[in-house]
């Protein structure tokens, strides 16, 4: 009933995972530069274009939901009709 090997393996893996890992891509980058890690958005939308974009997304989502409900409803109707047929007429 000893579990010394598993405990030793757990301790060894905890010690191995304790160190900080540095990605290969981060080693070559100088972290003292001002531009490191900063994001600047050069392609900003105007507020009017953004509202039009949101409206278009809402319309697309409504159309997708309508199609989903139509397909799901028709499939459920077919299952319901077959269920009634096999329950009462077969």
N, C-alpha and C. Protein backbone atom coordinates (compact mmCIF):
# COMPACT_ATOMS: atom_id res chain seq x y z
N UNK A 1 0.81 -1.19 0.00
CA UNK A 1 0.00 0.00 0.00
C UNK A 1 0.86 1.26 0.00
N UNK A 2 2.10 1.14 -0.39
CA UNK A 2 2.94 2.32 -0.40
C UNK A 2 2.73 3.14 -1.67
N UNK A 3 2.81 4.41 -1.48
CA UNK A 3 2.72 5.29 -2.65
C UNK A 3 3.89 6.25 -2.69
N UNK A 4 5.01 5.81 -2.21
CA UNK A 4 6.20 6.65 -2.17
C UNK A 4 6.68 7.05 -3.55
N UNK A 5 6.55 6.13 -4.50
CA UNK A 5 7.00 6.46 -5.86
C UNK A 5 6.14 7.53 -6.49
N UNK A 6 4.83 7.43 -6.28
CA UNK A 6 3.95 8.42 -6.89
C UNK A 6 4.11 9.78 -6.22
N UNK A 7 4.33 9.80 -4.91
CA UNK A 7 4.54 11.07 -4.21
C UNK A 7 5.86 11.69 -4.65
N UNK A 8 6.89 10.85 -4.81
CA UNK A 8 8.19 11.36 -5.26
C UNK A 8 8.07 11.95 -6.67
N UNK A 9 7.31 11.27 -7.52
CA UNK A 9 7.11 11.78 -8.88
C UNK A 9 6.35 13.10 -8.85
N UNK A 10 5.37 13.21 -7.97
CA UNK A 10 4.60 14.45 -7.85
C UNK A 10 5.50 15.59 -7.39
N UNK A 11 6.34 15.33 -6.39
CA UNK A 11 7.24 16.37 -5.89
C UNK A 11 8.23 16.79 -6.97
N UNK A 12 8.74 15.83 -7.71
CA UNK A 12 9.68 16.14 -8.78
C UNK A 12 9.01 16.98 -9.86
N UNK A 13 7.78 16.65 -10.24
CA UNK A 13 7.12 17.43 -11.28
C UNK A 13 6.77 18.83 -10.78
N UNK A 14 6.43 18.98 -9.49
CA UNK A 14 6.17 20.31 -8.95
C UNK A 14 7.43 21.16 -8.97
N UNK A 15 8.58 20.56 -8.63
CA UNK A 15 9.84 21.31 -8.68
C UNK A 15 10.21 21.68 -10.11
N UNK A 16 9.94 20.78 -11.05
CA UNK A 16 10.28 21.06 -12.45
C UNK A 16 9.38 22.15 -13.02
N UNK A 17 8.14 22.21 -12.60
CA UNK A 17 7.22 23.20 -13.14
C UNK A 17 7.30 24.55 -12.43
N UNK A 18 8.10 24.64 -11.40
CA UNK A 18 8.20 25.87 -10.62
C UNK A 18 8.94 26.96 -11.38
N UNK A 19 9.89 26.59 -12.22
CA UNK A 19 10.69 27.60 -12.90
C UNK A 19 9.84 28.36 -13.92
N UNK A 20 10.27 29.59 -14.21
CA UNK A 20 9.53 30.39 -15.18
C UNK A 20 10.04 30.05 -16.57
N UNK A 21 9.13 29.85 -17.47
CA UNK A 21 9.50 29.50 -18.83
C UNK A 21 9.38 30.74 -19.71
N UNK A 22 10.33 30.88 -20.61
CA UNK A 22 10.33 31.99 -21.54
C UNK A 22 10.17 31.42 -22.93
N UNK A 23 9.23 31.98 -23.66
CA UNK A 23 8.97 31.50 -25.01
C UNK A 23 10.16 31.79 -25.91
N UNK A 24 10.33 30.99 -26.94
CA UNK A 24 11.41 31.18 -27.89
C UNK A 24 11.27 32.52 -28.61
N UNK A 25 10.04 32.95 -28.82
CA UNK A 25 9.81 34.20 -29.53
C UNK A 25 10.07 35.42 -28.65
N UNK A 26 9.94 35.26 -27.34
CA UNK A 26 10.16 36.39 -26.45
C UNK A 26 11.63 36.59 -26.10
N UNK A 27 12.48 35.63 -26.38
CA UNK A 27 13.89 35.75 -26.02
C UNK A 27 14.60 36.81 -26.85
N UNK A 28 14.23 36.95 -28.13
CA UNK A 28 14.93 37.87 -29.01
C UNK A 28 14.43 39.31 -28.88
N UNK A 29 13.29 39.52 -28.23
CA UNK A 29 12.70 40.86 -28.14
C UNK A 29 13.25 41.58 -26.93
N UNK A 30 13.63 42.82 -27.15
CA UNK A 30 14.11 43.64 -26.05
C UNK A 30 12.90 44.20 -25.32
N UNK A 31 12.74 43.84 -24.07
CA UNK A 31 11.55 44.24 -23.30
C UNK A 31 11.63 45.69 -22.82
N UNK A 32 12.75 46.35 -23.01
CA UNK A 32 12.88 47.71 -22.52
C UNK A 32 12.45 48.74 -23.56
N UNK A 33 12.10 48.30 -24.75
CA UNK A 33 11.61 49.23 -25.76
C UNK A 33 10.20 49.69 -25.39
N UNK A 34 9.85 50.90 -25.80
CA UNK A 34 8.54 51.44 -25.47
C UNK A 34 7.43 50.75 -26.25
N UNK A 35 7.68 50.32 -27.46
CA UNK A 35 6.65 49.77 -28.31
C UNK A 35 6.36 48.30 -28.03
N UNK A 36 7.12 47.66 -27.18
CA UNK A 36 6.91 46.24 -26.93
C UNK A 36 5.60 46.04 -26.19
N UNK A 37 4.72 45.23 -26.74
CA UNK A 37 3.49 44.85 -26.09
C UNK A 37 2.37 45.85 -26.20
N UNK A 38 2.57 46.98 -26.87
CA UNK A 38 1.51 47.96 -27.01
C UNK A 38 0.78 47.75 -28.32
N UNK A 39 -0.52 47.97 -28.30
CA UNK A 39 -1.34 47.81 -29.50
C UNK A 39 -1.93 49.16 -29.86
N UNK A 40 -1.72 49.55 -31.09
CA UNK A 40 -2.34 50.78 -31.58
C UNK A 40 -3.24 50.41 -32.75
N UNK A 41 -4.46 50.89 -32.70
CA UNK A 41 -5.44 50.60 -33.74
C UNK A 41 -5.42 51.73 -34.75
N UNK A 42 -4.94 51.45 -35.95
CA UNK A 42 -4.86 52.46 -37.00
C UNK A 42 -6.11 52.50 -37.87
N UNK A 43 -6.93 51.47 -37.81
CA UNK A 43 -8.12 51.40 -38.66
C UNK A 43 -9.36 51.56 -37.79
N UNK A 44 -9.65 52.76 -37.37
CA UNK A 44 -10.80 53.02 -36.52
C UNK A 44 -12.02 53.29 -37.38
N UNK A 45 -13.18 52.81 -36.89
CA UNK A 45 -14.45 53.06 -37.57
C UNK A 45 -15.05 54.34 -37.05
N UNK A 46 -15.73 55.03 -37.92
CA UNK A 46 -16.46 56.21 -37.45
C UNK A 46 -17.69 55.72 -36.68
N UNK A 47 -18.22 56.53 -35.80
CA UNK A 47 -19.41 56.09 -35.03
C UNK A 47 -20.60 55.74 -35.92
N UNK A 48 -20.78 56.48 -37.02
CA UNK A 48 -21.89 56.20 -37.93
C UNK A 48 -21.70 54.84 -38.61
N UNK A 49 -20.47 54.57 -39.06
CA UNK A 49 -20.19 53.28 -39.70
C UNK A 49 -20.33 52.14 -38.69
N UNK A 50 -19.97 52.40 -37.44
CA UNK A 50 -20.08 51.37 -36.42
C UNK A 50 -21.53 51.04 -36.11
N UNK A 51 -22.39 52.06 -36.05
CA UNK A 51 -23.82 51.78 -35.82
C UNK A 51 -24.42 51.02 -36.98
N UNK A 52 -24.03 51.36 -38.22
CA UNK A 52 -24.51 50.60 -39.38
C UNK A 52 -24.02 49.16 -39.34
N UNK A 53 -22.78 48.98 -38.91
CA UNK A 53 -22.21 47.65 -38.80
C UNK A 53 -22.96 46.82 -37.76
N UNK A 54 -23.26 47.43 -36.59
CA UNK A 54 -24.02 46.72 -35.56
C UNK A 54 -25.42 46.37 -36.04
N UNK A 55 -26.06 47.28 -36.76
CA UNK A 55 -27.41 47.03 -37.27
C UNK A 55 -27.39 45.86 -38.27
N UNK A 56 -26.37 45.85 -39.15
CA UNK A 56 -26.26 44.76 -40.11
C UNK A 56 -26.03 43.42 -39.41
N UNK A 57 -25.21 43.41 -38.36
CA UNK A 57 -24.98 42.18 -37.61
C UNK A 57 -26.26 41.70 -36.94
N UNK A 58 -27.05 42.63 -36.39
CA UNK A 58 -28.31 42.25 -35.76
C UNK A 58 -29.27 41.64 -36.77
N UNK A 59 -29.35 42.23 -37.97
CA UNK A 59 -30.23 41.69 -39.01
C UNK A 59 -29.78 40.30 -39.46
N UNK A 60 -28.48 40.11 -39.59
CA UNK A 60 -27.97 38.79 -39.96
C UNK A 60 -28.27 37.77 -38.88
N UNK A 61 -28.15 38.17 -37.63
CA UNK A 61 -28.43 37.25 -36.53
C UNK A 61 -29.91 36.90 -36.48
N UNK A 62 -30.78 37.86 -36.73
CA UNK A 62 -32.21 37.58 -36.77
C UNK A 62 -32.56 36.62 -37.90
N UNK A 63 -31.94 36.82 -39.07
CA UNK A 63 -32.20 35.92 -40.20
C UNK A 63 -31.70 34.51 -39.89
N UNK A 64 -30.55 34.41 -39.24
CA UNK A 64 -30.01 33.09 -38.89
C UNK A 64 -30.91 32.39 -37.89
N UNK A 65 -31.40 33.12 -36.90
CA UNK A 65 -32.30 32.52 -35.91
C UNK A 65 -33.61 32.09 -36.54
N UNK A 66 -34.14 32.92 -37.44
CA UNK A 66 -35.39 32.58 -38.11
C UNK A 66 -35.24 31.29 -38.91
N UNK A 67 -34.12 31.16 -39.62
CA UNK A 67 -33.87 29.94 -40.40
C UNK A 67 -33.71 28.73 -39.48
N UNK A 68 -33.02 28.92 -38.37
CA UNK A 68 -32.82 27.84 -37.41
C UNK A 68 -34.14 27.37 -36.83
N UNK A 69 -34.99 28.33 -36.43
CA UNK A 69 -36.29 27.97 -35.88
C UNK A 69 -37.16 27.26 -36.92
N UNK A 70 -37.11 27.70 -38.16
CA UNK A 70 -37.90 27.07 -39.21
C UNK A 70 -37.46 25.62 -39.44
N UNK A 71 -36.16 25.40 -39.55
CA UNK A 71 -35.65 24.04 -39.77
C UNK A 71 -35.94 23.16 -38.57
N UNK A 72 -35.67 23.65 -37.38
CA UNK A 72 -35.91 22.87 -36.18
C UNK A 72 -37.39 22.55 -36.00
N UNK A 73 -38.24 23.53 -36.26
CA UNK A 73 -39.68 23.32 -36.13
C UNK A 73 -40.20 22.30 -37.12
N UNK A 74 -39.72 22.37 -38.37
CA UNK A 74 -40.19 21.41 -39.37
C UNK A 74 -39.71 19.99 -39.04
N UNK A 75 -38.48 19.85 -38.56
CA UNK A 75 -37.98 18.53 -38.18
C UNK A 75 -38.77 17.98 -37.00
N UNK A 76 -39.04 18.81 -36.02
CA UNK A 76 -39.82 18.36 -34.86
C UNK A 76 -41.25 18.01 -35.27
N UNK A 77 -41.83 18.75 -36.20
CA UNK A 77 -43.17 18.45 -36.67
C UNK A 77 -43.20 17.08 -37.36
N UNK A 78 -42.19 16.79 -38.15
CA UNK A 78 -42.12 15.49 -38.82
C UNK A 78 -42.00 14.37 -37.78
N UNK A 79 -41.13 14.55 -36.78
CA UNK A 79 -41.01 13.53 -35.73
C UNK A 79 -42.32 13.36 -34.97
N UNK A 80 -42.99 14.46 -34.69
CA UNK A 80 -44.25 14.40 -33.96
C UNK A 80 -45.31 13.66 -34.77
N UNK A 81 -45.38 13.93 -36.07
CA UNK A 81 -46.38 13.26 -36.91
C UNK A 81 -46.08 11.76 -36.99
N UNK A 82 -44.82 11.39 -37.18
CA UNK A 82 -44.48 9.97 -37.21
C UNK A 82 -44.75 9.30 -35.86
N UNK A 83 -44.47 10.01 -34.77
CA UNK A 83 -44.75 9.46 -33.45
C UNK A 83 -46.23 9.20 -33.24
N UNK A 84 -47.06 10.15 -33.62
CA UNK A 84 -48.51 9.98 -33.50
C UNK A 84 -48.97 8.83 -34.37
N UNK A 85 -48.44 8.74 -35.58
CA UNK A 85 -48.83 7.67 -36.50
C UNK A 85 -48.50 6.30 -35.92
N UNK A 86 -47.26 6.15 -35.42
CA UNK A 86 -46.87 4.85 -34.90
C UNK A 86 -47.53 4.52 -33.56
N UNK A 87 -47.89 5.54 -32.78
CA UNK A 87 -48.55 5.28 -31.51
C UNK A 87 -50.02 4.85 -31.68
N UNK A 88 -50.72 5.47 -32.60
CA UNK A 88 -52.15 5.25 -32.66
C UNK A 88 -52.62 4.47 -33.89
N UNK A 89 -51.90 4.52 -34.99
CA UNK A 89 -52.40 3.91 -36.21
C UNK A 89 -51.62 2.68 -36.68
N UNK A 90 -50.56 2.34 -36.02
CA UNK A 90 -49.76 1.20 -36.49
C UNK A 90 -50.01 -0.03 -35.69
